[in-house]
């Protein structure tokens, strides 16, 4: 038990030291758990790779890596604003399109699961209870998982994308470690079985040579992959989704598509936040421009900005104090609103002010609608 807890405690300790220097102790703990701990587990996994005698002990470490890797990947994607939207969708602010083509997601998930099935069969079922055919088939399934994880690594390995590569890299290490151990383990198992059929007997004796398993499994993996891809067509998938899952994307290493520019939502102000609500309620009118970025514009936002423009013209000192107060309190409040229903509520609450602003605009201007229409234009 101490062997399993110590890597986590060491990671938290390193994280606290890092956090105390750059941030605070709480951020440091999160840094230790989410960043340092996976790296420590990876180093332990590499250690087991070069110490095959500890293979049975290493299986617990493998389970921790697989379990935490699946959870951590979701946490990383939230921090990096990675969405599940394909390259054809228009995103906002710093959001990033999905690295996996959503229509091909089923193919990717199935191939990854197949790889882990092969690993668990070969790792947890004793060789004495399996025929060489099942062993080689399990190796071929692991190879399919390796192919998928290599594509995943190539897709992500840039900037901070290395975090998403920790689990795929560990899977490849686990596969190499398992094959090496099982090939050597089989050498200690005697073969006494023979067949009367010469061809069948020759094939069996060939499969009995464990040193050939990695080669035979590699060749067989492409046949198994083809069968799996054909079966997936029954579920609406296409055979080329094995590759197109990564090519039909934008902003990633293997991407071959170009996505539209992101729309910029100014999160500093309540009116711009309110414009992000449901279309039937907030009624967006067009694309506008603010500080060089595209923004969604509705009538309420234009009226508020037109009113502020008039305030600057006629009462600049008053505007300065109001703006200072609003920037201090309004910004902090606006940044907390990231739900369309809350944004709808802000839009409705702003209605009385919108009508007051509109009244001031109509009193001040000869052509009030011209001023409103010119807001957020180039």
Protein backbone atom coordinates (compact mmCIF):
# COMPACT_ATOMS: atom_id res chain seq x y z
CA UNK A 1 0.00 0.00 0.00
CA UNK A 2 2.85 2.38 0.84
CA UNK A 3 4.32 1.83 -2.64
CA UNK A 4 1.08 3.12 -4.19
CA UNK A 5 0.66 6.13 -1.89
CA UNK A 6 4.25 7.36 -1.94
CA UNK A 7 4.28 8.49 -5.64
CA UNK A 8 1.14 10.53 -5.01
CA UNK A 9 2.54 12.12 -1.83
CA UNK A 10 5.81 12.95 -3.58
CA UNK A 11 3.87 14.52 -6.47
CA UNK A 12 1.78 16.65 -4.09
CA UNK A 13 4.93 17.74 -2.23
CA UNK A 14 6.61 18.83 -5.48
CA UNK A 15 3.40 20.58 -6.52
CA UNK A 16 3.19 22.51 -3.23
CA UNK A 17 6.79 23.70 -3.64
CA UNK A 18 6.03 24.77 -7.22
CA UNK A 19 2.80 26.44 -6.17
CA UNK A 20 4.35 28.31 -3.26
CA UNK A 21 6.86 29.86 -5.66
CA UNK A 22 4.49 30.81 -8.50
CA UNK A 23 0.92 30.65 -7.16
CA UNK A 24 -0.30 29.33 -3.81
CA UNK A 25 -0.38 26.00 -1.98
CA UNK A 26 -3.86 25.00 -3.20
CA UNK A 27 -2.90 25.50 -6.86
CA UNK A 28 0.28 23.61 -6.03
CA UNK A 29 -1.68 20.60 -4.79
CA UNK A 30 -3.75 20.53 -7.97
CA UNK A 31 -0.57 20.88 -10.02
CA UNK A 32 0.98 17.95 -8.17
CA UNK A 33 -2.06 15.71 -8.60
CA UNK A 34 -2.90 16.58 -12.22
CA UNK A 35 0.55 17.20 -13.72
CA UNK A 36 3.35 15.74 -11.60
CA UNK A 37 1.60 12.52 -10.54
CA UNK A 38 0.97 11.25 -14.12
CA UNK A 39 4.64 11.89 -14.93
CA UNK A 40 5.74 9.98 -11.82
CA UNK A 41 3.49 7.04 -12.79
CA UNK A 42 5.02 7.11 -16.27
CA UNK A 43 8.54 6.92 -14.85
CA UNK A 44 7.48 3.99 -12.68
CA UNK A 45 6.02 2.32 -15.75
CA UNK A 46 9.31 2.77 -17.61
CA UNK A 47 11.14 1.27 -14.61
CA UNK A 48 8.93 -1.83 -14.81
CA UNK A 49 9.66 -2.07 -18.53
CA UNK A 50 13.34 -2.72 -17.78
CA UNK A 51 12.59 -5.05 -14.87
CA UNK A 52 10.40 -7.82 -16.34
CA UNK A 53 10.62 -9.87 -13.14
CA UNK A 54 8.30 -7.30 -11.54
CA UNK A 55 5.65 -7.75 -14.25
CA UNK A 56 2.94 -9.07 -11.92
CA UNK A 57 3.52 -6.19 -9.53
CA UNK A 58 3.40 -3.65 -12.38
CA UNK A 59 -0.19 -4.57 -13.26
CA UNK A 60 -1.56 -2.46 -10.40
CA UNK A 61 0.37 0.55 -11.66
CA UNK A 62 -1.08 -0.08 -15.14
CA UNK A 63 -4.64 -0.07 -13.78
CA UNK A 64 -4.04 3.23 -11.98
CA UNK A 65 -2.64 4.76 -15.19
CA UNK A 66 -5.59 3.62 -17.32
CA UNK A 67 -8.18 4.76 -14.76
CA UNK A 68 -6.66 8.15 -13.99
CA UNK A 69 -5.64 8.77 -17.62
CA UNK A 70 -9.26 8.54 -18.74
CA UNK A 71 -10.37 11.02 -16.07
CA UNK A 72 -7.47 13.45 -16.42
CA UNK A 73 -7.98 13.75 -20.17
CA UNK A 74 -11.41 15.26 -19.55
CA UNK A 75 -9.98 17.69 -16.98
CA UNK A 76 -7.26 18.86 -19.37
CA UNK A 77 -9.78 19.43 -22.20
CA UNK A 78 -11.92 21.65 -19.96
CA UNK A 79 -8.94 23.81 -19.04
CA UNK A 80 -7.84 24.12 -22.68
CA UNK A 81 -11.38 24.92 -23.92
CA UNK A 82 -11.43 21.93 -26.28
CA UNK A 83 -14.96 21.37 -27.54
CA UNK A 84 -16.79 18.51 -29.26
CA UNK A 85 -17.65 20.71 -32.25
CA UNK A 86 -16.33 19.81 -35.71
CA UNK A 87 -14.31 22.18 -37.89
CA UNK A 88 -17.47 23.42 -39.66
CA UNK A 89 -18.81 25.09 -36.49
CA UNK A 90 -18.07 28.67 -35.51
CA UNK A 91 -16.72 28.83 -31.96
CA UNK A 92 -16.20 31.73 -29.60
CA UNK A 93 -13.20 33.30 -27.88
CA UNK A 94 -10.46 30.74 -27.07
CA UNK A 95 -12.50 27.61 -27.78
CA UNK A 96 -10.82 24.93 -29.92
CA UNK A 97 -12.47 22.49 -32.31
CA UNK A 98 -12.49 18.80 -31.48
CA UNK A 99 -9.29 16.88 -32.30
CA UNK A 100 -11.40 13.87 -33.32
CA UNK A 101 -13.98 14.08 -36.11
CA UNK A 102 -17.24 13.48 -34.22
CA UNK A 103 -18.77 11.28 -36.91
CA UNK A 104 -15.75 8.97 -36.62
CA UNK A 105 -15.72 8.94 -32.82
CA UNK A 106 -17.32 5.47 -32.66
CA UNK A 107 -14.50 4.02 -34.77
CA UNK A 108 -11.81 5.58 -32.57
CA UNK A 109 -13.45 4.42 -29.32
CA UNK A 110 -13.99 0.86 -30.59
CA UNK A 111 -10.37 0.52 -31.77
CA UNK A 112 -9.05 1.82 -28.45
CA UNK A 113 -11.28 -0.59 -26.53
CA UNK A 114 -10.10 -3.47 -28.73
CA UNK A 115 -6.50 -2.59 -27.89
CA UNK A 116 -7.20 -2.68 -24.15
CA UNK A 117 -9.13 -5.95 -24.49
CA UNK A 118 -6.06 -7.56 -26.05
CA UNK A 119 -3.89 -6.18 -23.24
CA UNK A 120 -6.14 -7.44 -20.43
CA UNK A 121 -6.53 -10.91 -21.99
CA UNK A 122 -2.79 -11.38 -22.34
CA UNK A 123 -2.00 -9.84 -18.95
CA UNK A 124 -4.54 -11.51 -16.69
CA UNK A 125 -5.14 -14.94 -18.26
CA UNK A 126 -2.28 -17.41 -17.58
CA UNK A 127 -0.48 -18.62 -20.69
CA UNK A 128 -1.00 -22.21 -19.61
CA UNK A 129 -4.74 -21.72 -20.14
CA UNK A 130 -4.45 -20.19 -23.63
CA UNK A 131 -3.57 -21.66 -26.99
CA UNK A 132 -0.93 -19.92 -29.14
CA UNK A 133 -3.70 -18.81 -31.52
CA UNK A 134 -5.49 -16.86 -28.77
CA UNK A 135 -2.18 -15.39 -27.61
CA UNK A 136 -1.26 -14.17 -31.10
CA UNK A 137 -4.79 -12.83 -31.62
CA UNK A 138 -4.51 -10.87 -28.35
CA UNK A 139 -1.19 -9.42 -29.53
CA UNK A 140 -2.81 -8.36 -32.81
CA UNK A 141 -5.55 -6.57 -30.83
CA UNK A 142 -2.90 -4.75 -28.81
CA UNK A 143 -1.22 -3.66 -32.05
CA UNK A 144 -4.50 -2.09 -33.20
CA UNK A 145 -4.53 -0.08 -29.97
CA UNK A 146 -0.93 0.95 -30.62
CA UNK A 147 -1.80 2.24 -34.12
CA UNK A 148 -4.64 4.31 -32.69
CA UNK A 149 -2.53 5.69 -29.86
CA UNK A 150 0.30 6.64 -32.22
CA UNK A 151 -2.16 8.66 -34.33
CA UNK A 152 -3.44 10.25 -31.12
CA UNK A 153 0.09 11.22 -30.04
CA UNK A 154 0.90 12.74 -33.44
CA UNK A 155 -2.36 14.71 -33.34
CA UNK A 156 -1.67 16.20 -29.91
CA UNK A 157 2.09 16.48 -29.48
CA UNK A 158 2.44 20.25 -29.67
CA UNK A 159 2.50 23.06 -27.13
CA UNK A 160 0.73 21.71 -24.01
CA UNK A 161 -0.63 18.75 -25.95
CA UNK A 162 1.92 16.46 -24.28
CA UNK A 163 -0.49 16.11 -21.36
CA UNK A 164 -2.92 14.26 -23.63
CA UNK A 165 -0.10 11.95 -24.75
CA UNK A 166 0.72 10.57 -21.31
CA UNK A 167 -1.89 7.78 -21.41
CA UNK A 168 -1.15 6.74 -25.04
CA UNK A 169 2.59 6.65 -24.32
CA UNK A 170 1.99 4.55 -21.23
CA UNK A 171 -0.25 2.19 -23.21
CA UNK A 172 2.56 1.58 -25.71
CA UNK A 173 5.00 0.94 -22.84
CA UNK A 174 2.49 -1.50 -21.31
CA UNK A 175 2.17 -3.36 -24.63
CA UNK A 176 5.95 -3.70 -25.08
CA UNK A 177 6.35 -4.79 -21.46
CA UNK A 178 3.57 -7.39 -21.73
CA UNK A 179 4.78 -8.90 -25.00
CA UNK A 180 8.37 -9.14 -23.76
CA UNK A 181 7.32 -10.84 -20.54
CA UNK A 182 4.90 -13.28 -22.19
CA UNK A 183 7.34 -14.26 -24.95
CA UNK A 184 9.93 -15.20 -22.34
CA UNK A 185 7.38 -16.86 -20.07
CA UNK A 186 6.21 -19.15 -22.89
CA UNK A 187 9.75 -20.49 -23.35
CA UNK A 188 9.40 -22.31 -20.03
CA UNK A 189 6.21 -24.09 -21.12
CA UNK A 190 6.79 -27.48 -22.79
CA UNK A 191 4.96 -28.40 -25.99
CA UNK A 192 3.83 -32.00 -26.22
CA UNK A 193 0.88 -31.58 -28.51
CA UNK A 194 1.12 -32.73 -32.15
CA UNK A 195 -1.35 -33.12 -35.03
CA UNK A 196 -1.62 -35.85 -37.62
CA UNK A 197 -2.25 -33.28 -40.35
CA UNK A 198 1.21 -32.06 -41.48
CA UNK A 199 0.03 -28.54 -42.37
CA UNK A 200 -1.83 -28.10 -39.11
CA UNK A 201 1.11 -29.48 -37.16
CA UNK A 202 3.52 -27.13 -38.95
CA UNK A 203 1.32 -24.09 -38.19
CA UNK A 204 1.05 -25.10 -34.55
CA UNK A 205 4.79 -25.54 -34.17
CA UNK A 206 5.29 -22.17 -35.84
CA UNK A 207 2.92 -20.49 -33.41
CA UNK A 208 4.63 -22.27 -30.55
CA UNK A 209 7.81 -20.26 -31.23
CA UNK A 210 7.09 -17.30 -28.98
CA UNK A 211 9.83 -15.18 -30.52
CA UNK A 212 7.70 -15.00 -33.68
CA UNK A 213 4.57 -13.80 -31.87
CA UNK A 214 5.25 -10.05 -32.28
CA UNK A 215 5.80 -10.50 -36.03
CA UNK A 216 2.81 -12.79 -36.57
CA UNK A 217 0.63 -10.54 -34.39
CA UNK A 218 1.68 -7.49 -36.42
CA UNK A 219 0.71 -9.13 -39.73
CA UNK A 220 -2.53 -10.50 -38.29
CA UNK A 221 -3.46 -7.11 -36.80
CA UNK A 222 -4.05 -5.59 -40.25
CA UNK A 223 -6.44 -8.39 -41.18
CA UNK A 224 -8.31 -8.00 -37.86
CA UNK A 225 -8.38 -4.22 -38.33
CA UNK A 226 -9.97 -4.64 -41.76
CA UNK A 227 -12.63 -6.98 -40.36
CA UNK A 228 -13.44 -4.57 -37.51
CA UNK A 229 -13.70 -1.58 -39.87
CA UNK A 230 -16.06 -3.52 -42.16
CA UNK A 231 -18.24 -4.48 -39.19
CA UNK A 232 -18.37 -0.83 -38.10
CA UNK A 233 -19.94 0.06 -41.47
CA UNK A 234 -23.08 -1.65 -40.14
CA UNK A 235 -23.25 1.17 -37.58
CA UNK A 236 -22.89 4.01 -40.08
CA UNK A 237 -19.11 4.27 -39.96
CA UNK A 238 -16.83 4.36 -43.00
CA UNK A 239 -13.66 2.25 -43.38
CA UNK A 240 -11.49 5.35 -43.89
CA UNK A 241 -12.65 6.81 -40.56
CA UNK A 242 -9.62 5.07 -39.05
CA UNK A 243 -7.57 7.91 -40.57
CA UNK A 244 -10.18 10.56 -41.37
CA UNK A 245 -11.01 10.78 -37.68
CA UNK A 246 -7.84 12.86 -37.38
CA UNK A 247 -7.68 14.42 -40.85
CA UNK A 248 -11.22 15.86 -40.81
CA UNK A 249 -10.28 18.36 -38.12
CA UNK A 250 -8.72 21.80 -37.86
CA UNK A 251 -6.07 23.36 -35.60
CA UNK A 252 -4.30 20.05 -34.87
CA UNK A 253 -1.18 18.37 -36.26
CA UNK A 254 -2.94 15.99 -38.66
CA UNK A 255 -5.74 18.41 -39.52
CA UNK A 256 -6.51 19.01 -43.18
CA UNK A 257 -9.54 21.29 -42.79
CA UNK A 258 -9.88 25.02 -42.26
CA UNK A 259 -12.42 26.22 -39.74
CA UNK A 260 -14.16 29.61 -39.68
CA UNK A 261 -12.72 32.30 -37.42
CA UNK A 262 -13.89 32.30 -33.83
CA UNK A 263 -16.49 34.82 -32.77
CA UNK A 264 -15.26 37.02 -29.95
CA UNK A 265 -17.57 37.50 -26.97
CA UNK A 266 -16.49 40.33 -24.76
CA UNK A 267 -16.92 38.83 -21.29
CA UNK A 268 -16.25 42.11 -19.50
CA UNK A 269 -19.70 43.66 -19.82
CA UNK A 270 -23.21 42.54 -18.99
CA UNK A 271 -24.77 43.51 -22.31
CA UNK A 272 -22.21 41.52 -24.30
CA UNK A 273 -22.74 38.56 -22.00
CA UNK A 274 -26.51 38.86 -22.39
CA UNK A 275 -26.14 38.74 -26.18
CA UNK A 276 -24.95 35.13 -25.81
CA UNK A 277 -28.33 33.89 -24.55
CA UNK A 278 -30.85 31.87 -26.51
CA UNK A 279 -31.53 33.36 -29.94
CA UNK A 280 -35.30 33.43 -29.54
CA UNK A 281 -34.96 35.63 -26.48
CA UNK A 282 -31.92 37.88 -27.02
CA UNK A 283 -32.50 38.15 -30.81
CA UNK A 284 -28.96 38.53 -32.23
CA UNK A 285 -28.96 40.78 -35.32
CA UNK A 286 -25.53 40.60 -36.94
CA UNK A 287 -21.77 40.25 -36.54
CA UNK A 288 -20.06 43.34 -35.18
CA UNK A 289 -16.49 44.33 -34.35
CA UNK A 290 -15.01 45.27 -31.00
CA UNK A 291 -11.27 45.81 -30.42
CA UNK A 292 -10.51 44.05 -33.70
CA UNK A 293 -12.56 40.95 -32.81
CA UNK A 294 -15.87 39.74 -34.17
CA UNK A 295 -18.75 39.93 -31.69
CA UNK A 296 -22.41 38.93 -31.72
CA UNK A 297 -24.55 42.08 -31.70
CA UNK A 298 -28.19 42.46 -30.71
CA UNK A 299 -30.26 45.62 -30.40
CA UNK A 300 -29.86 45.89 -26.62
CA UNK A 301 -26.07 45.91 -26.95
CA UNK A 302 -26.15 48.58 -29.67
CA UNK A 303 -28.49 50.78 -27.62
CA UNK A 304 -26.28 50.48 -24.51
CA UNK A 305 -23.17 51.38 -26.49
CA UNK A 306 -24.92 54.29 -28.23
CA UNK A 307 -26.06 55.65 -24.85
CA UNK A 308 -22.49 55.42 -23.52
CA UNK A 309 -21.29 57.30 -26.60
CA UNK A 310 -23.73 60.15 -25.85
CA UNK A 311 -22.67 60.15 -22.20
CA UNK A 312 -19.05 60.60 -23.25
CA UNK A 313 -20.04 63.52 -25.47
CA UNK A 314 -22.17 65.48 -23.01
CA UNK A 315 -20.96 64.39 -19.53
CA UNK A 316 -17.39 63.06 -19.85
CA UNK A 317 -16.56 63.46 -16.14
CA UNK A 318 -19.70 61.57 -15.08
CA UNK A 319 -18.97 58.88 -17.66
CA UNK A 320 -15.45 58.46 -16.33
CA UNK A 321 -16.67 57.73 -12.79
CA UNK A 322 -19.48 55.44 -13.97
CA UNK A 323 -17.09 53.52 -16.22
CA UNK A 324 -14.58 53.15 -13.39
CA UNK A 325 -17.24 51.78 -11.05
CA UNK A 326 -18.70 49.44 -13.68
CA UNK A 327 -15.32 48.11 -14.78
CA UNK A 328 -14.50 47.27 -11.18
CA UNK A 329 -17.73 45.48 -10.24
CA UNK A 330 -19.43 44.63 -13.53
CA UNK A 331 -16.48 42.73 -14.96
CA UNK A 332 -16.17 40.34 -11.99
CA UNK A 333 -19.89 39.62 -12.11
CA UNK A 334 -20.01 39.19 -15.89
CA UNK A 335 -17.16 36.66 -15.93
CA UNK A 336 -19.20 34.34 -13.68
CA UNK A 337 -22.02 34.02 -16.21
CA UNK A 338 -21.46 31.14 -18.63
CA UNK A 339 -24.94 29.63 -18.85
CA UNK A 340 -27.42 30.57 -21.62
CA UNK A 341 -30.31 30.67 -19.15
CA UNK A 342 -28.46 33.08 -16.85
CA UNK A 343 -27.60 35.15 -19.91
CA UNK A 344 -31.31 35.22 -20.83
CA UNK A 345 -32.08 36.45 -17.31
CA UNK A 346 -29.46 39.23 -17.58
CA UNK A 347 -30.98 40.28 -20.92
CA UNK A 348 -34.46 40.52 -19.36
CA UNK A 349 -33.19 42.38 -16.28
CA UNK A 350 -31.42 44.88 -18.54
CA UNK A 351 -34.66 45.70 -20.41
CA UNK A 352 -35.73 48.65 -18.20
CA UNK A 353 -32.26 50.20 -18.62
CA UNK A 354 -32.43 49.56 -22.36
CA UNK A 355 -35.69 51.51 -22.58
CA UNK A 356 -34.20 54.35 -20.50
CA UNK A 357 -31.11 54.45 -22.76
CA UNK A 358 -33.33 54.44 -25.84
CA UNK A 359 -35.35 57.39 -24.49
CA UNK A 360 -32.15 59.41 -23.92
CA UNK A 361 -30.92 58.59 -27.43
CA UNK A 362 -34.20 59.71 -29.03
CA UNK A 363 -34.20 62.95 -27.04
CA UNK A 364 -30.59 63.76 -27.88
CA UNK A 365 -30.31 62.75 -31.56
CA UNK A 366 -32.15 63.93 -34.64
CA UNK A 367 -31.56 60.53 -36.26
CA UNK A 368 -31.30 58.14 -33.27
CA UNK A 369 -31.58 54.93 -35.28
CA UNK A 370 -28.56 55.92 -37.37
CA UNK A 371 -26.42 56.15 -34.25
CA UNK A 372 -27.70 52.77 -33.02
CA UNK A 373 -27.09 51.11 -36.40
CA UNK A 374 -23.49 52.37 -36.52
CA UNK A 375 -22.47 50.68 -33.29
CA UNK A 376 -19.84 47.90 -33.56
CA UNK A 377 -19.19 48.53 -37.25
CA UNK A 378 -15.81 49.03 -38.88
